[in-house]
PDB file of N, CA and C in Angstrom:
ATOM      1  N   UNK A   1     -21.815   2.705   4.301  1.00  0.00           N
ATOM      2  CA  UNK A   1     -20.594   3.392   3.958  1.00  0.00           C
ATOM      3  C   UNK A   1     -19.423   2.661   4.624  1.00  0.00           C
ATOM      4  N   UNK A   2     -18.361   2.501   3.862  1.00  0.00           N
ATOM      5  CA  UNK A   2     -17.169   1.825   4.368  1.00  0.00           C
ATOM      6  C   UNK A   2     -15.968   2.754   4.233  1.00  0.00           C
ATOM      7  N   UNK A   3     -14.937   2.449   4.992  1.00  0.00           N
ATOM      8  CA  UNK A   3     -13.681   3.196   4.908  1.00  0.00           C
ATOM      9  C   UNK A   3     -12.548   2.198   4.726  1.00  0.00           C
ATOM     10  N   UNK A   4     -11.673   2.482   3.778  1.00  0.00           N
ATOM     11  CA  UNK A   4     -10.536   1.620   3.501  1.00  0.00           C
ATOM     12  C   UNK A   4      -9.275   2.472   3.505  1.00  0.00           C
ATOM     13  N   UNK A   5      -8.222   1.953   4.139  1.00  0.00           N
ATOM     14  CA  UNK A   5      -6.932   2.636   4.157  1.00  0.00           C
ATOM     15  C   UNK A   5      -5.949   1.827   3.333  1.00  0.00           C
ATOM     16  N   UNK A   6      -5.337   2.487   2.364  1.00  0.00           N
ATOM     17  CA  UNK A   6      -4.362   1.844   1.479  1.00  0.00           C
ATOM     18  C   UNK A   6      -2.987   2.449   1.712  1.00  0.00           C
ATOM     19  N   UNK A   7      -1.992   1.606   1.850  1.00  0.00           N
ATOM     20  CA  UNK A   7      -0.619   2.064   1.961  1.00  0.00           C
ATOM     21  C   UNK A   7      -0.121   2.450   0.569  1.00  0.00           C
ATOM     22  N   UNK A   8       0.444   3.652   0.467  1.00  0.00           N
ATOM     23  CA  UNK A   8       1.039   4.113  -0.790  1.00  0.00           C
ATOM     24  C   UNK A   8       2.362   4.789  -0.424  1.00  0.00           C
ATOM     25  N   UNK A   9       3.419   3.982  -0.232  1.00  0.00           N
ATOM     26  CA  UNK A   9       4.674   4.486   0.328  1.00  0.00           C
ATOM     27  C   UNK A   9       5.385   5.558  -0.494  1.00  0.00           C
ATOM     28  N   UNK A  10       5.057   5.678  -1.761  1.00  0.00           N
ATOM     29  CA  UNK A  10       5.776   6.625  -2.620  1.00  0.00           C
ATOM     30  C   UNK A  10       5.247   8.057  -2.546  1.00  0.00           C
ATOM     31  N   UNK A  11       4.103   8.271  -1.932  1.00  0.00           N
ATOM     32  CA  UNK A  11       3.549   9.629  -1.892  1.00  0.00           C
ATOM     33  C   UNK A  11       4.342  10.491  -0.916  1.00  0.00           C
ATOM     34  N   UNK A  12       4.571  11.769  -1.316  1.00  0.00           N
ATOM     35  CA  UNK A  12       5.382  12.618  -0.452  1.00  0.00           C
ATOM     36  C   UNK A  12       5.134  14.110  -0.623  1.00  0.00           C
ATOM     37  N   UNK A  13       4.304  14.514  -1.590  1.00  0.00           N
ATOM     38  CA  UNK A  13       4.163  15.951  -1.834  1.00  0.00           C
ATOM     39  C   UNK A  13       2.730  16.289  -2.262  1.00  0.00           C
ATOM     40  N   UNK A  14       2.487  17.591  -2.413  1.00  0.00           N
ATOM     41  CA  UNK A  14       1.152  18.046  -2.796  1.00  0.00           C
ATOM     42  C   UNK A  14       0.779  17.595  -4.205  1.00  0.00           C
ATOM     43  N   UNK A  15       1.759  17.435  -5.079  1.00  0.00           N
ATOM     44  CA  UNK A  15       1.463  16.906  -6.417  1.00  0.00           C
ATOM     45  C   UNK A  15       0.911  15.482  -6.303  1.00  0.00           C
ATOM     46  N   UNK A  16       1.525  14.669  -5.440  1.00  0.00           N
ATOM     47  CA  UNK A  16       1.040  13.300  -5.218  1.00  0.00           C
ATOM     48  C   UNK A  16      -0.402  13.331  -4.719  1.00  0.00           C
ATOM     49  N   UNK A  17      -0.642  14.199  -3.751  1.00  0.00           N
ATOM     50  CA  UNK A  17      -1.996  14.320  -3.181  1.00  0.00           C
ATOM     51  C   UNK A  17      -3.003  14.691  -4.271  1.00  0.00           C
ATOM     52  N   UNK A  18      -2.681  15.696  -5.064  1.00  0.00           N
ATOM     53  CA  UNK A  18      -3.598  16.159  -6.102  1.00  0.00           C
ATOM     54  C   UNK A  18      -3.835  15.083  -7.156  1.00  0.00           C
ATOM     55  N   UNK A  19      -2.786  14.364  -7.536  1.00  0.00           N
ATOM     56  CA  UNK A  19      -2.926  13.317  -8.553  1.00  0.00           C
ATOM     57  C   UNK A  19      -3.858  12.212  -8.074  1.00  0.00           C
ATOM     58  N   UNK A  20      -3.684  11.778  -6.834  1.00  0.00           N
ATOM     59  CA  UNK A  20      -4.503  10.685  -6.309  1.00  0.00           C
ATOM     60  C   UNK A  20      -5.936  11.147  -6.063  1.00  0.00           C
ATOM     61  N   UNK A  21      -6.102  12.325  -5.468  1.00  0.00           N
ATOM     62  CA  UNK A  21      -7.456  12.829  -5.249  1.00  0.00           C
ATOM     63  C   UNK A  21      -8.190  13.001  -6.574  1.00  0.00           C
ATOM     64  N   UNK A  22      -7.481  13.519  -7.580  1.00  0.00           N
ATOM     65  CA  UNK A  22      -8.095  13.720  -8.888  1.00  0.00           C
ATOM     66  C   UNK A  22      -8.472  12.425  -9.577  1.00  0.00           C
ATOM     67  N   UNK A  23      -7.691  11.372  -9.333  1.00  0.00           N
ATOM     68  CA  UNK A  23      -7.971  10.077  -9.947  1.00  0.00           C
ATOM     69  C   UNK A  23      -9.109   9.333  -9.248  1.00  0.00           C
ATOM     70  N   UNK A  24      -9.211   9.483  -7.930  1.00  0.00           N
ATOM     71  CA  UNK A  24     -10.202   8.712  -7.173  1.00  0.00           C
ATOM     72  C   UNK A  24     -11.562   9.394  -7.061  1.00  0.00           C
ATOM     73  N   UNK A  25     -11.581  10.691  -6.966  1.00  0.00           N
ATOM     74  CA  UNK A  25     -12.836  11.407  -6.733  1.00  0.00           C
ATOM     75  C   UNK A  25     -13.911  11.121  -7.779  1.00  0.00           C
ATOM     76  N   UNK A  26     -13.574  10.986  -9.073  1.00  0.00           N
ATOM     77  CA  UNK A  26     -14.627  10.730 -10.069  1.00  0.00           C
ATOM     78  C   UNK A  26     -15.181   9.301 -10.082  1.00  0.00           C
ATOM     79  N   UNK A  27     -14.566   8.386  -9.356  1.00  0.00           N
ATOM     80  CA  UNK A  27     -15.016   6.990  -9.382  1.00  0.00           C
ATOM     81  C   UNK A  27     -16.377   6.881  -8.695  1.00  0.00           C
ATOM     82  N   UNK A  28     -17.339   6.291  -9.398  1.00  0.00           N
ATOM     83  CA  UNK A  28     -18.663   6.074  -8.805  1.00  0.00           C
ATOM     84  C   UNK A  28     -18.521   5.230  -7.540  1.00  0.00           C
ATOM     85  N   UNK A  29     -19.103   5.705  -6.461  1.00  0.00           N
ATOM     86  CA  UNK A  29     -19.054   4.985  -5.195  1.00  0.00           C
ATOM     87  C   UNK A  29     -18.032   5.550  -4.221  1.00  0.00           C
ATOM     88  N   UNK A  30     -17.104   6.367  -4.701  1.00  0.00           N
ATOM     89  CA  UNK A  30     -16.132   7.017  -3.811  1.00  0.00           C
ATOM     90  C   UNK A  30     -16.782   8.285  -3.274  1.00  0.00           C
ATOM     91  N   UNK A  31     -16.874   8.362  -1.954  1.00  0.00           N
ATOM     92  CA  UNK A  31     -17.524   9.500  -1.312  1.00  0.00           C
ATOM     93  C   UNK A  31     -16.522  10.490  -0.738  1.00  0.00           C
ATOM     94  N   UNK A  32     -15.309  10.032  -0.441  1.00  0.00           N
ATOM     95  CA  UNK A  32     -14.299  10.913   0.119  1.00  0.00           C
ATOM     96  C   UNK A  32     -12.916  10.307   0.002  1.00  0.00           C
ATOM     97  N   UNK A  33     -11.913  11.183  -0.140  1.00  0.00           N
ATOM     98  CA  UNK A  33     -10.527  10.744  -0.271  1.00  0.00           C
ATOM     99  C   UNK A  33      -9.674  11.613   0.640  1.00  0.00           C
ATOM    100  N   UNK A  34      -8.844  10.978   1.469  1.00  0.00           N
ATOM    101  CA  UNK A  34      -7.904  11.688   2.327  1.00  0.00           C
ATOM    102  C   UNK A  34      -6.518  11.116   2.063  1.00  0.00           C
ATOM    103  N   UNK A  35      -5.632  11.932   1.509  1.00  0.00           N
ATOM    104  CA  UNK A  35      -4.257  11.513   1.240  1.00  0.00           C
ATOM    105  C   UNK A  35      -3.407  12.043   2.380  1.00  0.00           C
ATOM    106  N   UNK A  36      -2.883  11.141   3.209  1.00  0.00           N
ATOM    107  CA  UNK A  36      -2.071  11.502   4.371  1.00  0.00           C
ATOM    108  C   UNK A  36      -0.602  11.337   3.989  1.00  0.00           C
ATOM    109  N   UNK A  37       0.056  12.455   3.670  1.00  0.00           N
ATOM    110  CA  UNK A  37       1.444  12.400   3.212  1.00  0.00           C
ATOM    111  C   UNK A  37       2.404  11.935   4.302  1.00  0.00           C
ATOM    112  N   UNK A  38       2.148  12.342   5.534  1.00  0.00           N
ATOM    113  CA  UNK A  38       3.036  11.956   6.630  1.00  0.00           C
ATOM    114  C   UNK A  38       2.991  10.454   6.881  1.00  0.00           C
ATOM    115  N   UNK A  39       1.793   9.883   6.902  1.00  0.00           N
ATOM    116  CA  UNK A  39       1.635   8.443   7.136  1.00  0.00           C
ATOM    117  C   UNK A  39       1.809   7.635   5.850  1.00  0.00           C
ATOM    118  N   UNK A  40       1.775   8.331   4.701  1.00  0.00           N
ATOM    119  CA  UNK A  40       1.888   7.696   3.385  1.00  0.00           C
ATOM    120  C   UNK A  40       0.791   6.659   3.150  1.00  0.00           C
ATOM    121  N   UNK A  41      -0.422   7.104   3.455  1.00  0.00           N
ATOM    122  CA  UNK A  41      -1.601   6.268   3.222  1.00  0.00           C
ATOM    123  C   UNK A  41      -2.679   7.097   2.529  1.00  0.00           C
ATOM    124  N   UNK A  42      -3.586   6.382   1.877  1.00  0.00           N
ATOM    125  CA  UNK A  42      -4.763   6.992   1.269  1.00  0.00           C
ATOM    126  C   UNK A  42      -5.974   6.362   1.934  1.00  0.00           C
ATOM    127  N   UNK A  43      -6.818   7.199   2.520  1.00  0.00           N
ATOM    128  CA  UNK A  43      -8.047   6.725   3.151  1.00  0.00           C
ATOM    129  C   UNK A  43      -9.206   7.047   2.213  1.00  0.00           C
ATOM    130  N   UNK A  44      -9.998   6.036   1.929  1.00  0.00           N
ATOM    131  CA  UNK A  44     -11.104   6.194   0.991  1.00  0.00           C
ATOM    132  C   UNK A  44     -12.408   5.855   1.702  1.00  0.00           C
ATOM    133  N   UNK A  45     -13.343   6.774   1.657  1.00  0.00           N
ATOM    134  CA  UNK A  45     -14.693   6.524   2.160  1.00  0.00           C
ATOM    135  C   UNK A  45     -15.528   6.180   0.940  1.00  0.00           C
ATOM    136  N   UNK A  46     -16.214   5.038   1.000  1.00  0.00           N
ATOM    137  CA  UNK A  46     -16.877   4.546  -0.209  1.00  0.00           C
ATOM    138  C   UNK A  46     -18.106   3.716   0.114  1.00  0.00           C
ATOM    139  N   UNK A  47     -18.911   3.525  -0.924  1.00  0.00           N
ATOM    140  CA  UNK A  47     -20.068   2.638  -0.813  1.00  0.00           C
ATOM    141  C   UNK A  47     -19.582   1.212  -0.557  1.00  0.00           C
ATOM    142  N   UNK A  48     -20.371   0.451   0.161  1.00  0.00           N
ATOM    143  CA  UNK A  48     -20.009  -0.935   0.458  1.00  0.00           C
ATOM    144  C   UNK A  48     -19.838  -1.774  -0.801  1.00  0.00           C
ATOM    145  N   UNK A  49     -20.545  -1.422  -1.855  1.00  0.00           N
ATOM    146  CA  UNK A  49     -20.527  -2.217  -3.086  1.00  0.00           C
ATOM    147  C   UNK A  49     -19.335  -1.904  -3.995  1.00  0.00           C
ATOM    148  N   UNK A  50     -18.569  -0.860  -3.693  1.00  0.00           N
ATOM    149  CA  UNK A  50     -17.468  -0.461  -4.565  1.00  0.00           C
ATOM    150  C   UNK A  50     -16.418  -1.560  -4.677  1.00  0.00           C
ATOM    151  N   UNK A  51     -16.030  -1.868  -5.896  1.00  0.00           N
ATOM    152  CA  UNK A  51     -14.930  -2.813  -6.134  1.00  0.00           C
ATOM    153  C   UNK A  51     -13.629  -2.057  -5.899  1.00  0.00           C
ATOM    154  N   UNK A  52     -12.917  -2.406  -4.838  1.00  0.00           N
ATOM    155  CA  UNK A  52     -11.697  -1.686  -4.484  1.00  0.00           C
ATOM    156  C   UNK A  52     -10.606  -1.826  -5.533  1.00  0.00           C
ATOM    157  N   UNK A  53     -10.721  -2.825  -6.383  1.00  0.00           N
ATOM    158  CA  UNK A  53      -9.755  -2.964  -7.460  1.00  0.00           C
ATOM    159  C   UNK A  53      -9.727  -1.721  -8.340  1.00  0.00           C
ATOM    160  N   UNK A  54     -10.869  -1.079  -8.529  1.00  0.00           N
ATOM    161  CA  UNK A  54     -10.905   0.138  -9.350  1.00  0.00           C
ATOM    162  C   UNK A  54     -10.143   1.282  -8.687  1.00  0.00           C
ATOM    163  N   UNK A  55     -10.164   1.333  -7.366  1.00  0.00           N
ATOM    164  CA  UNK A  55      -9.426   2.349  -6.626  1.00  0.00           C
ATOM    165  C   UNK A  55      -7.929   2.083  -6.748  1.00  0.00           C
ATOM    166  N   UNK A  56      -7.528   0.839  -6.552  1.00  0.00           N
ATOM    167  CA  UNK A  56      -6.107   0.471  -6.659  1.00  0.00           C
ATOM    168  C   UNK A  56      -5.598   0.760  -8.067  1.00  0.00           C
ATOM    169  N   UNK A  57      -6.356   0.391  -9.071  1.00  0.00           N
ATOM    170  CA  UNK A  57      -5.933   0.633 -10.455  1.00  0.00           C
ATOM    171  C   UNK A  57      -5.792   2.124 -10.742  1.00  0.00           C
ATOM    172  N   UNK A  58      -6.689   2.939 -10.208  1.00  0.00           N
ATOM    173  CA  UNK A  58      -6.607   4.383 -10.421  1.00  0.00           C
ATOM    174  C   UNK A  58      -5.350   4.965  -9.782  1.00  0.00           C
ATOM    175  N   UNK A  59      -4.987   4.466  -8.598  1.00  0.00           N
ATOM    176  CA  UNK A  59      -3.754   4.922  -7.946  1.00  0.00           C
ATOM    177  C   UNK A  59      -2.546   4.483  -8.760  1.00  0.00           C
ATOM    178  N   UNK A  60      -2.548   3.232  -9.198  1.00  0.00           N
ATOM    179  CA  UNK A  60      -1.433   2.719  -9.992  1.00  0.00           C
ATOM    180  C   UNK A  60      -1.320   3.435 -11.333  1.00  0.00           C
ATOM    181  N   UNK A  61      -2.436   3.836 -11.918  1.00  0.00           N
ATOM    182  CA  UNK A  61      -2.414   4.580 -13.175  1.00  0.00           C
ATOM    183  C   UNK A  61      -1.725   5.937 -13.024  1.00  0.00           C
ATOM    184  N   UNK A  62      -1.665   6.427 -11.799  1.00  0.00           N
ATOM    185  CA  UNK A  62      -0.970   7.680 -11.529  1.00  0.00           C
ATOM    186  C   UNK A  62       0.529   7.453 -11.282  1.00  0.00           C
ATOM    187  N   UNK A  63       0.952   6.188 -11.277  1.00  0.00           N
ATOM    188  CA  UNK A  63       2.375   5.870 -11.147  1.00  0.00           C
ATOM    189  C   UNK A  63       2.822   5.442  -9.769  1.00  0.00           C
ATOM    190  N   UNK A  64       1.878   5.137  -8.883  1.00  0.00           N
ATOM    191  CA  UNK A  64       2.217   4.746  -7.512  1.00  0.00           C
ATOM    192  C   UNK A  64       1.916   3.270  -7.280  1.00  0.00           C
ATOM    193  N   UNK A  65       2.770   2.612  -6.524  1.00  0.00           N
ATOM    194  CA  UNK A  65       2.550   1.217  -6.155  1.00  0.00           C
ATOM    195  C   UNK A  65       1.652   1.145  -4.924  1.00  0.00           C
ATOM    196  N   UNK A  66       0.835   0.106  -4.879  1.00  0.00           N
ATOM    197  CA  UNK A  66      -0.017  -0.166  -3.723  1.00  0.00           C
ATOM    198  C   UNK A  66       0.362  -1.557  -3.220  1.00  0.00           C
ATOM    199  N   UNK A  67       1.198  -1.636  -2.157  1.00  0.00           N
ATOM    200  CA  UNK A  67       1.577  -2.947  -1.630  1.00  0.00           C
ATOM    201  C   UNK A  67       0.339  -3.740  -1.197  1.00  0.00           C
ATOM    202  N   UNK A  68       0.355  -5.024  -1.453  1.00  0.00           N
ATOM    203  CA  UNK A  68      -0.771  -5.871  -1.090  1.00  0.00           C
ATOM    204  C   UNK A  68      -1.944  -5.729  -2.037  1.00  0.00           C
ATOM    205  N   UNK A  69      -1.693  -5.225  -3.230  1.00  0.00           N
ATOM    206  CA  UNK A  69      -2.753  -4.932  -4.200  1.00  0.00           C
ATOM    207  C   UNK A  69      -3.617  -6.140  -4.524  1.00  0.00           C
ATOM    208  N   UNK A  70      -3.044  -7.327  -4.490  1.00  0.00           N
ATOM    209  CA  UNK A  70      -3.795  -8.535  -4.876  1.00  0.00           C
ATOM    210  C   UNK A  70      -5.011  -8.747  -3.976  1.00  0.00           C
ATOM    211  N   UNK A  71      -4.904  -8.391  -2.718  1.00  0.00           N
ATOM    212  CA  UNK A  71      -6.045  -8.560  -1.806  1.00  0.00           C
ATOM    213  C   UNK A  71      -7.221  -7.679  -2.226  1.00  0.00           C
ATOM    214  N   UNK A  72      -6.932  -6.514  -2.802  1.00  0.00           N
ATOM    215  CA  UNK A  72      -7.996  -5.593  -3.211  1.00  0.00           C
ATOM    216  C   UNK A  72      -8.531  -5.917  -4.594  1.00  0.00           C
ATOM    217  N   UNK A  73      -7.743  -6.562  -5.407  1.00  0.00           N
ATOM    218  CA  UNK A  73      -8.165  -6.867  -6.777  1.00  0.00           C
ATOM    219  C   UNK A  73      -9.287  -7.913  -6.789  1.00  0.00           C
ATOM    220  N   UNK A  74      -9.384  -8.706  -5.742  1.00  0.00           N
ATOM    221  CA  UNK A  74     -10.473  -9.683  -5.631  1.00  0.00           C
ATOM    222  C   UNK A  74     -11.761  -9.023  -5.165  1.00  0.00           C
ATOM    223  N   UNK A  75     -11.603  -7.881  -4.509  1.00  0.00           N
ATOM    224  CA  UNK A  75     -12.779  -7.209  -3.925  1.00  0.00           C
ATOM    225  C   UNK A  75     -13.583  -6.492  -4.983  1.00  0.00           C
TER     226      UNK A  75
END
């Protein structure tokens, strides 16, 4: 099991939290999602084999930018 923290500077409310949790939770390999509004980060607990690009794309599909996304798209 691995844990990854992604910066998502645009998140600020419970709607943001619900949108991201709803988008990430169904992804195979995602075991847990913690959206920290104060720190503006998303912490994902996941299988080691999970391609993090799928997580980044799911966040972006909800309308949020993920700075440094290129590093995760290779994973």
